[in-house]
C-alpha atoms as a PDB file:
ATOM      1  CA  MET A   1     -22.835 -74.834  41.262  1.00  0.00           C
ATOM      2  CA  THR A   2     -19.766 -77.102  41.434  1.00  0.00           C
ATOM      3  CA  ALA A   3     -17.503 -74.164  40.669  1.00  0.00           C
ATOM      4  CA  VAL A   4     -19.165 -71.959  43.312  1.00  0.00           C
ATOM      5  CA  LEU A   5     -18.852 -74.657  45.983  1.00  0.00           C
ATOM      6  CA  ALA A   6     -15.206 -75.217  45.111  1.00  0.00           C
ATOM      7  CA  GLU A   7     -14.485 -71.506  45.520  1.00  0.00           C
ATOM      8  CA  ILE A   8     -16.280 -71.405  48.908  1.00  0.00           C
ATOM      9  CA  VAL A   9     -14.426 -74.466  50.202  1.00  0.00           C
ATOM     10  CA  SER A  10     -11.104 -72.976  49.113  1.00  0.00           C
ATOM     11  CA  LEU A  11     -11.842 -69.927  51.259  1.00  0.00           C
ATOM     12  CA  VAL A  12     -13.098 -71.591  54.455  1.00  0.00           C
ATOM     13  CA  ALA A  13     -11.005 -74.788  54.598  1.00  0.00           C
ATOM     14  CA  PRO A  14      -7.726 -74.725  56.551  1.00  0.00           C
ATOM     15  CA  PRO A  15      -4.851 -73.895  54.159  1.00  0.00           C
ATOM     16  CA  ALA A  16      -3.035 -76.969  52.901  1.00  0.00           C
ATOM     17  CA  CYS A  17      -0.579 -77.798  50.166  1.00  0.00           C
ATOM     18  CA  PRO A  18      -2.678 -78.530  47.055  1.00  0.00           C
ATOM     19  CA  ALA A  19      -0.320 -81.345  46.021  1.00  0.00           C
ATOM     20  CA  CYS A  20       0.320 -83.322  49.229  1.00  0.00           C
ATOM     21  CA  ARG A  21      -2.296 -81.620  51.493  1.00  0.00           C
ATOM     22  CA  ALA A  22       0.209 -80.935  54.237  1.00  0.00           C
ATOM     23  CA  PRO A  23      -0.907 -78.052  56.518  1.00  0.00           C
ATOM     24  CA  LEU A  24       0.352 -74.591  55.560  1.00  0.00           C
ATOM     25  CA  SER A  25       0.638 -71.444  57.615  1.00  0.00           C
ATOM     26  CA  GLY A  26      -1.199 -68.491  56.128  1.00  0.00           C
ATOM     27  CA  ALA A  27      -3.984 -68.344  53.575  1.00  0.00           C
ATOM     28  CA  VAL A  28      -1.947 -67.692  50.427  1.00  0.00           C
ATOM     29  CA  LEU A  29      -2.300 -70.506  47.896  1.00  0.00           C
ATOM     30  CA  ARG A  30       1.122 -72.062  47.480  1.00  0.00           C
ATOM     31  CA  LEU A  31       3.011 -75.334  47.621  1.00  0.00           C
ATOM     32  CA  CYS A  32       4.726 -76.659  50.718  1.00  0.00           C
ATOM     33  CA  PRO A  33       8.569 -76.457  50.602  1.00  0.00           C
ATOM     34  CA  SER A  34       8.862 -80.178  49.877  1.00  0.00           C
ATOM     35  CA  CYS A  35       6.496 -80.094  46.894  1.00  0.00           C
ATOM     36  CA  ALA A  36       7.909 -76.813  45.606  1.00  0.00           C
ATOM     37  CA  GLY A  37      11.348 -78.421  45.568  1.00  0.00           C
ATOM     38  CA  ALA A  38      10.016 -81.506  43.788  1.00  0.00           C
ATOM     39  CA  MET A  39       8.346 -79.766  40.851  1.00  0.00           C
ATOM     40  CA  PRO A  40       9.271 -81.737  37.687  1.00  0.00           C
ATOM     41  CA  TRP A  41      10.485 -78.760  35.658  1.00  0.00           C
ATOM     42  CA  LEU A  42      11.304 -79.544  32.053  1.00  0.00           C
ATOM     43  CA  PRO A  43      14.697 -78.477  30.676  1.00  0.00           C
ATOM     44  CA  ARG A  44      14.896 -75.239  28.722  1.00  0.00           C
ATOM     45  CA  ARG A  45      16.251 -77.112  25.726  1.00  0.00           C
ATOM     46  CA  ALA A  46      13.374 -79.160  24.324  1.00  0.00           C
ATOM     47  CA  CYS A  47      11.976 -79.880  20.894  1.00  0.00           C
ATOM     48  CA  PRO A  48      10.166 -76.713  19.783  1.00  0.00           C
ATOM     49  CA  ARG A  49       7.640 -78.737  17.791  1.00  0.00           C
ATOM     50  CA  CYS A  50       6.432 -81.199  20.426  1.00  0.00           C
ATOM     51  CA  ALA A  51       7.919 -79.899  23.738  1.00  0.00           C
ATOM     52  CA  LEU A  52       9.600 -83.224  24.533  1.00  0.00           C
ATOM     53  CA  PRO A  53      13.143 -83.105  25.946  1.00  0.00           C
ATOM     54  CA  ALA A  54      14.102 -85.939  23.589  1.00  0.00           C
ATOM     55  CA  HIS A  55      12.565 -88.241  20.979  1.00  0.00           C
ATOM     56  CA  ALA A  56      12.913 -91.890  21.910  1.00  0.00           C
ATOM     57  CA  ASP A  57      12.417 -93.024  18.325  1.00  0.00           C
ATOM     58  CA  ARG A  58      14.303 -90.048  16.838  1.00  0.00           C
ATOM     59  CA  SER A  59      11.221 -88.727  15.065  1.00  0.00           C
ATOM     60  CA  CYS A  60       9.136 -85.799  16.277  1.00  0.00           C
ATOM     61  CA  PRO A  61       5.524 -86.842  17.057  1.00  0.00           C
ATOM     62  CA  ALA A  62       4.332 -83.346  16.088  1.00  0.00           C
ATOM     63  CA  ALA A  63       6.020 -83.296  12.675  1.00  0.00           C
ATOM     64  CA  GLY A  64       2.659 -83.090  10.878  1.00  0.00           C
ATOM     65  CA  ALA A  65       0.738 -81.091  13.485  1.00  0.00           C
ATOM     66  CA  ALA A  66      -1.185 -77.941  12.607  1.00  0.00           C
ATOM     67  CA  PHE A  67       0.400 -76.023  15.496  1.00  0.00           C
ATOM     68  CA  ALA A  68       3.766 -74.475  14.715  1.00  0.00           C
ATOM     69  CA  ARG A  69       5.261 -74.925  18.148  1.00  0.00           C
ATOM     70  CA  ALA A  70       4.529 -76.469  21.544  1.00  0.00           C
ATOM     71  CA  TRP A  71       5.830 -75.722  25.029  1.00  0.00           C
ATOM     72  CA  SER A  72       5.163 -76.790  28.624  1.00  0.00           C
ATOM     73  CA  PRO A  73       6.984 -75.795  31.830  1.00  0.00           C
ATOM     74  CA  VAL A  74       6.662 -79.115  33.680  1.00  0.00           C
ATOM     75  CA  ALA A  75       6.406 -82.859  33.082  1.00  0.00           C
ATOM     76  CA  TYR A  76       3.094 -84.529  33.839  1.00  0.00           C
ATOM     77  CA  ASP A  77       4.467 -86.389  36.836  1.00  0.00           C
ATOM     78  CA  GLY A  78       4.727 -86.170  40.608  1.00  0.00           C
ATOM     79  CA  VAL A  79       3.681 -82.819  42.048  1.00  0.00           C
ATOM     80  CA  ALA A  80       2.519 -81.427  38.697  1.00  0.00           C
ATOM     81  CA  ARG A  81       0.278 -84.434  38.133  1.00  0.00           C
ATOM     82  CA  GLU A  82      -1.255 -83.931  41.588  1.00  0.00           C
ATOM     83  CA  LEU A  83      -1.975 -80.276  40.798  1.00  0.00           C
ATOM     84  CA  VAL A  84      -3.648 -81.125  37.496  1.00  0.00           C
ATOM     85  CA  GLY A  85      -5.713 -83.832  39.207  1.00  0.00           C
ATOM     86  CA  ALA A  86      -6.787 -81.465  41.962  1.00  0.00           C
ATOM     87  CA  LEU A  87      -7.931 -78.894  39.412  1.00  0.00           C
ATOM     88  CA  LYS A  88      -9.684 -81.289  37.035  1.00  0.00           C
ATOM     89  CA  PHE A  89     -11.155 -83.887  39.381  1.00  0.00           C
ATOM     90  CA  ARG A  90     -11.454 -82.172  42.781  1.00  0.00           C
ATOM     91  CA  GLY A  91     -12.629 -78.779  41.552  1.00  0.00           C
ATOM     92  CA  ALA A  92      -9.699 -76.861  43.067  1.00  0.00           C
ATOM     93  CA  ILE A  93     -10.310 -73.925  40.736  1.00  0.00           C
ATOM     94  CA  PRO A  94      -7.934 -71.480  42.501  1.00  0.00           C
ATOM     95  CA  LEU A  95      -5.099 -73.771  41.389  1.00  0.00           C
ATOM     96  CA  ALA A  96      -5.545 -72.400  37.881  1.00  0.00           C
ATOM     97  CA  GLY A  97      -3.980 -69.184  39.149  1.00  0.00           C
ATOM     98  CA  LEU A  98      -0.971 -70.989  40.605  1.00  0.00           C
ATOM     99  CA  MET A  99      -0.485 -73.022  37.425  1.00  0.00           C
ATOM    100  CA  ALA A 100      -0.841 -69.917  35.251  1.00  0.00           C
ATOM    101  CA  ALA A 101       1.790 -68.177  37.377  1.00  0.00           C
ATOM    102  CA  GLN A 102       4.182 -71.072  36.810  1.00  0.00           C
ATOM    103  CA  ILE A 103       3.548 -70.901  33.055  1.00  0.00           C
ATOM    104  CA  ALA A 104       4.060 -67.130  32.962  1.00  0.00           C
ATOM    105  CA  ALA A 105       7.232 -67.242  35.056  1.00  0.00           C
ATOM    106  CA  ASN A 106       8.869 -69.803  32.778  1.00  0.00           C
ATOM    107  CA  LEU A 107       7.512 -68.837  29.367  1.00  0.00           C
ATOM    108  CA  PRO A 108      10.267 -68.580  26.724  1.00  0.00           C
ATOM    109  CA  ALA A 109      11.406 -64.990  26.267  1.00  0.00           C
ATOM    110  CA  ASP A 110      10.186 -64.673  22.676  1.00  0.00           C
ATOM    111  CA  LEU A 111       6.700 -65.931  23.558  1.00  0.00           C
ATOM    112  CA  ARG A 112       6.573 -63.604  26.564  1.00  0.00           C
ATOM    113  CA  ALA A 113       7.510 -60.659  24.354  1.00  0.00           C
ATOM    114  CA  ALA A 114       4.902 -61.655  21.744  1.00  0.00           C
ATOM    115  CA  LEU A 115       2.223 -61.805  24.432  1.00  0.00           C
ATOM    116  CA  ARG A 116       3.168 -58.421  25.825  1.00  0.00           C
ATOM    117  CA  SER A 117       2.997 -56.910  22.347  1.00  0.00           C
ATOM    118  CA  GLY A 118      -0.521 -58.235  21.866  1.00  0.00           C
ATOM    119  CA  ALA A 119       0.511 -60.436  18.955  1.00  0.00           C
ATOM    120  CA  PHE A 120      -1.340 -63.473  20.340  1.00  0.00           C
ATOM    121  CA  ALA A 121      -4.808 -64.054  21.713  1.00  0.00           C
ATOM    122  CA  LEU A 122      -5.214 -66.897  24.224  1.00  0.00           C
ATOM    123  CA  VAL A 123      -7.532 -69.663  23.020  1.00  0.00           C
ATOM    124  CA  PRO A 124      -8.540 -72.322  25.575  1.00  0.00           C
ATOM    125  CA  VAL A 125      -8.889 -75.911  24.406  1.00  0.00           C
ATOM    126  CA  PRO A 126     -12.646 -76.573  24.688  1.00  0.00           C
ATOM    127  CA  PRO A 127     -14.067 -79.435  26.776  1.00  0.00           C
ATOM    128  CA  GLN A 128     -16.666 -81.917  25.683  1.00  0.00           C
ATOM    129  CA  PRO A 129     -20.077 -80.403  26.554  1.00  0.00           C
ATOM    130  CA  ARG A 130     -21.111 -83.240  28.878  1.00  0.00           C
ATOM    131  CA  ARG A 131     -17.800 -83.098  30.716  1.00  0.00           C
ATOM    132  CA  ARG A 132     -18.233 -79.358  31.174  1.00  0.00           C
ATOM    133  CA  ARG A 133     -21.703 -79.964  32.590  1.00  0.00           C
ATOM    134  CA  SER A 134     -20.589 -82.744  34.941  1.00  0.00           C
ATOM    135  CA  ARG A 135     -17.673 -80.752  36.348  1.00  0.00           C
ATOM    136  CA  GLY A 136     -19.463 -77.445  36.471  1.00  0.00           C
ATOM    137  CA  PHE A 137     -16.407 -75.655  35.102  1.00  0.00           C
ATOM    138  CA  ASP A 138     -13.772 -75.884  32.379  1.00  0.00           C
ATOM    139  CA  PRO A 139     -10.196 -76.593  33.603  1.00  0.00           C
ATOM    140  CA  ALA A 140      -8.455 -75.393  30.427  1.00  0.00           C
ATOM    141  CA  GLY A 141     -10.722 -72.362  30.325  1.00  0.00           C
ATOM    142  CA  ALA A 142      -9.881 -71.504  33.947  1.00  0.00           C
ATOM    143  CA  LEU A 143      -6.168 -71.885  33.214  1.00  0.00           C
ATOM    144  CA  ALA A 144      -6.349 -69.757  30.043  1.00  0.00           C
ATOM    145  CA  GLY A 145      -8.432 -67.123  31.832  1.00  0.00           C
ATOM    146  CA  SER A 146      -5.915 -66.861  34.668  1.00  0.00           C
ATOM    147  CA  LEU A 147      -3.027 -66.649  32.210  1.00  0.00           C
ATOM    148  CA  ALA A 148      -4.802 -63.989  30.139  1.00  0.00           C
ATOM    149  CA  ALA A 149      -5.477 -61.892  33.241  1.00  0.00           C
ATOM    150  CA  ARG A 150      -1.878 -62.243  34.403  1.00  0.00           C
ATOM    151  CA  ALA A 151      -0.423 -61.397  30.985  1.00  0.00           C
ATOM    152  CA  GLY A 152      -2.958 -58.673  30.227  1.00  0.00           C
ATOM    153  CA  VAL A 153      -3.932 -60.149  26.865  1.00  0.00           C
ATOM    154  CA  ALA A 154      -7.185 -60.997  25.134  1.00  0.00           C
ATOM    155  CA  LEU A 155      -8.976 -64.275  25.796  1.00  0.00           C
ATOM    156  CA  ALA A 156     -10.653 -65.744  22.714  1.00  0.00           C
ATOM    157  CA  PRO A 157     -12.807 -68.799  23.590  1.00  0.00           C
ATOM    158  CA  CYS A 158     -13.665 -69.327  19.937  1.00  0.00           C
ATOM    159  CA  LEU A 159     -13.642 -73.150  19.786  1.00  0.00           C
ATOM    160  CA  ARG A 160     -16.164 -75.807  20.707  1.00  0.00           C
ATOM    161  CA  ARG A 161     -16.246 -79.589  20.619  1.00  0.00           C
ATOM    162  CA  ARG A 162     -19.001 -81.643  19.034  1.00  0.00           C
ATOM    163  CA  ASP A 163     -17.826 -85.158  19.893  1.00  0.00           C
ATOM    164  CA  HIS A 164     -19.177 -87.232  22.771  1.00  0.00           C
ATOM    165  CA  GLY A 165     -16.717 -90.106  23.070  1.00  0.00           C
ATOM    166  CA  PRO A 166     -15.219 -91.605  26.248  1.00  0.00           C
ATOM    167  CA  ARG A 167     -12.405 -90.021  28.231  1.00  0.00           C
ATOM    168  CA  ALA A 168      -8.997 -90.208  26.549  1.00  0.00           C
ATOM    169  CA  ALA A 169      -7.240 -91.379  29.727  1.00  0.00           C
ATOM    170  CA  GLY A 170      -5.662 -94.766  29.054  1.00  0.00           C
ATOM    171  CA  MET A 171      -6.026 -94.537  25.285  1.00  0.00           C
ATOM    172  CA  GLY A 172      -3.019 -95.166  23.077  1.00  0.00           C
ATOM    173  CA  ARG A 173      -1.813 -92.744  20.433  1.00  0.00           C
ATOM    174  CA  ALA A 174      -3.697 -94.464  17.588  1.00  0.00           C
ATOM    175  CA  ALA A 175      -6.989 -94.488  19.517  1.00  0.00           C
ATOM    176  CA  ARG A 176      -6.630 -90.823  20.458  1.00  0.00           C
ATOM    177  CA  ARG A 177      -6.112 -89.932  16.816  1.00  0.00           C
ATOM    178  CA  ALA A 178      -8.856 -92.163  15.395  1.00  0.00           C
ATOM    179  CA  ALA A 179     -11.069 -90.506  12.796  1.00  0.00           C
ATOM    180  CA  GLY A 180     -14.150 -88.928  14.331  1.00  0.00           C
ATOM    181  CA  ARG A 181     -12.980 -89.093  17.942  1.00  0.00           C
ATOM    182  CA  LEU A 182     -12.300 -85.353  18.044  1.00  0.00           C
ATOM    183  CA  VAL A 183     -14.691 -82.913  16.408  1.00  0.00           C
ATOM    184  CA  VAL A 184     -13.628 -79.300  16.978  1.00  0.00           C
ATOM    185  CA  GLU A 185     -15.113 -76.298  15.228  1.00  0.00           C
ATOM    186  CA  LEU A 186     -15.183 -72.525  15.471  1.00  0.00           C
ATOM    187  CA  ARG A 187     -18.022 -70.862  17.345  1.00  0.00           C
ATOM    188  CA  ALA A 188     -16.566 -67.349  16.827  1.00  0.00           C
ATOM    189  CA  PRO A 189     -13.990 -65.809  14.473  1.00  0.00           C
ATOM    190  CA  ALA A 190     -10.456 -67.093  14.962  1.00  0.00           C
ATOM    191  CA  PRO A 191      -7.750 -64.626  16.030  1.00  0.00           C
ATOM    192  CA  ARG A 192      -4.934 -63.834  13.632  1.00  0.00           C
ATOM    193  CA  ARG A 193      -2.401 -65.546  15.901  1.00  0.00           C
ATOM    194  CA  ALA A 194      -3.386 -67.916  18.704  1.00  0.00           C
ATOM    195  CA  LEU A 195      -1.735 -69.230  21.841  1.00  0.00           C
ATOM    196  CA  LEU A 196      -3.685 -72.451  22.357  1.00  0.00           C
ATOM    197  CA  VAL A 197      -3.874 -73.297  26.088  1.00  0.00           C
ATOM    198  CA  ASP A 198      -4.509 -76.691  27.693  1.00  0.00           C
ATOM    199  CA  ASP A 199      -3.726 -78.350  31.006  1.00  0.00           C
ATOM    200  CA  VAL A 200      -1.900 -81.447  29.696  1.00  0.00           C
ATOM    201  CA  HIS A 201      -0.202 -82.207  26.374  1.00  0.00           C
ATOM    202  CA  THR A 202      -0.310 -85.993  25.898  1.00  0.00           C
ATOM    203  CA  THR A 203      -0.186 -87.201  22.292  1.00  0.00           C
ATOM    204  CA  GLY A 204      -1.058 -83.780  20.901  1.00  0.00           C
ATOM    205  CA  ALA A 205      -4.211 -85.098  19.198  1.00  0.00           C
ATOM    206  CA  THR A 206      -6.547 -82.590  20.873  1.00  0.00           C
ATOM    207  CA  LEU A 207      -4.152 -79.702  20.342  1.00  0.00           C
ATOM    208  CA  ASP A 208      -3.787 -80.668  16.697  1.00  0.00           C
ATOM    209  CA  ALA A 209      -7.565 -80.860  16.167  1.00  0.00           C
ATOM    210  CA  CYS A 210      -7.983 -77.434  17.757  1.00  0.00           C
ATOM    211  CA  ALA A 211      -5.135 -75.967  15.721  1.00  0.00           C
ATOM    212  CA  ARG A 212      -6.631 -77.328  12.497  1.00  0.00           C
ATOM    213  CA  ALA A 213      -9.965 -75.698  13.271  1.00  0.00           C
ATOM    214  CA  LEU A 214      -8.202 -72.391  13.968  1.00  0.00           C
ATOM    215  CA  ARG A 215      -6.108 -72.593  10.810  1.00  0.00           C
ATOM    216  CA  ALA A 216      -9.188 -73.437   8.745  1.00  0.00           C
ATOM    217  CA  GLY A 217     -10.805 -70.296  10.162  1.00  0.00           C
ATOM    218  CA  GLY A 218      -7.971 -68.050   9.005  1.00  0.00           C
ATOM    219  CA  CYS A 219      -5.570 -68.176  11.961  1.00  0.00           C
ATOM    220  CA  ALA A 220      -2.071 -67.706  10.536  1.00  0.00           C
ATOM    221  CA  GLU A 221      -0.128 -69.185  13.449  1.00  0.00           C
ATOM    222  CA  VAL A 222      -0.966 -71.461  16.375  1.00  0.00           C
ATOM    223  CA  VAL A 223       1.395 -72.070  19.300  1.00  0.00           C
ATOM    224  CA  ALA A 224       0.338 -74.750  21.799  1.00  0.00           C
ATOM    225  CA  VAL A 225       1.104 -74.023  25.452  1.00  0.00           C
ATOM    226  CA  SER A 226       0.162 -76.612  28.071  1.00  0.00           C
ATOM    227  CA  TYR A 227       0.862 -76.662  31.776  1.00  0.00           C
ATOM    228  CA  ALA A 228       2.275 -80.203  31.770  1.00  0.00           C
ATOM    229  CA  ARG A 229       3.782 -82.482  29.131  1.00  0.00           C
ATOM    230  CA  THR A 230       3.397 -86.253  29.257  1.00  0.00           C
ATOM    231  CA  LEU A 231       6.781 -87.898  28.731  1.00  0.00           C
END
């Protein structure tokens, strides 16, 4: 019901910028010129393992991760943070299409070619069941679905979570990676190669848990693609 109401409101409410809510002319979902110009795009040259532009401590935080590569188009800051918040906490589901378009437009050439060839299936990072019920929709699932439709590739929602812990917001790296906090398992066969899709890449703990479940199920390669990367 939450998802249906969000869709209805998005159709009947006066068009506004989803980031700053300034009025817009026309009904096409887009950013206002000010917010479009303030998007915190990440540089093309970033660490292929963790997607960070630089390592403050000179060691890659994803050195032992089960995913082979990670990439995000924007930093989790400013306008991008507002978009993620609107999708996750205000039910602005149509934003998944805008965010997917920004991912697709900036995807590295080799990943774009691999998607077009059908080498990867898109696997959304699963939500906790109670969070899915409270929101009425799945943000990462909406983002992955929009990206799959745009790229014309298969969507493989083959993962599920079994943990019921508190929200990770505000947790440090050690707490996020504590044993038992994340319990991810397969609910369907894993694809041969997976593009794991999430809204935000923070410490990489959730992506790593998902990648380990996929690898344990026979997935030969996992690439983590998130809309925004926490710096």
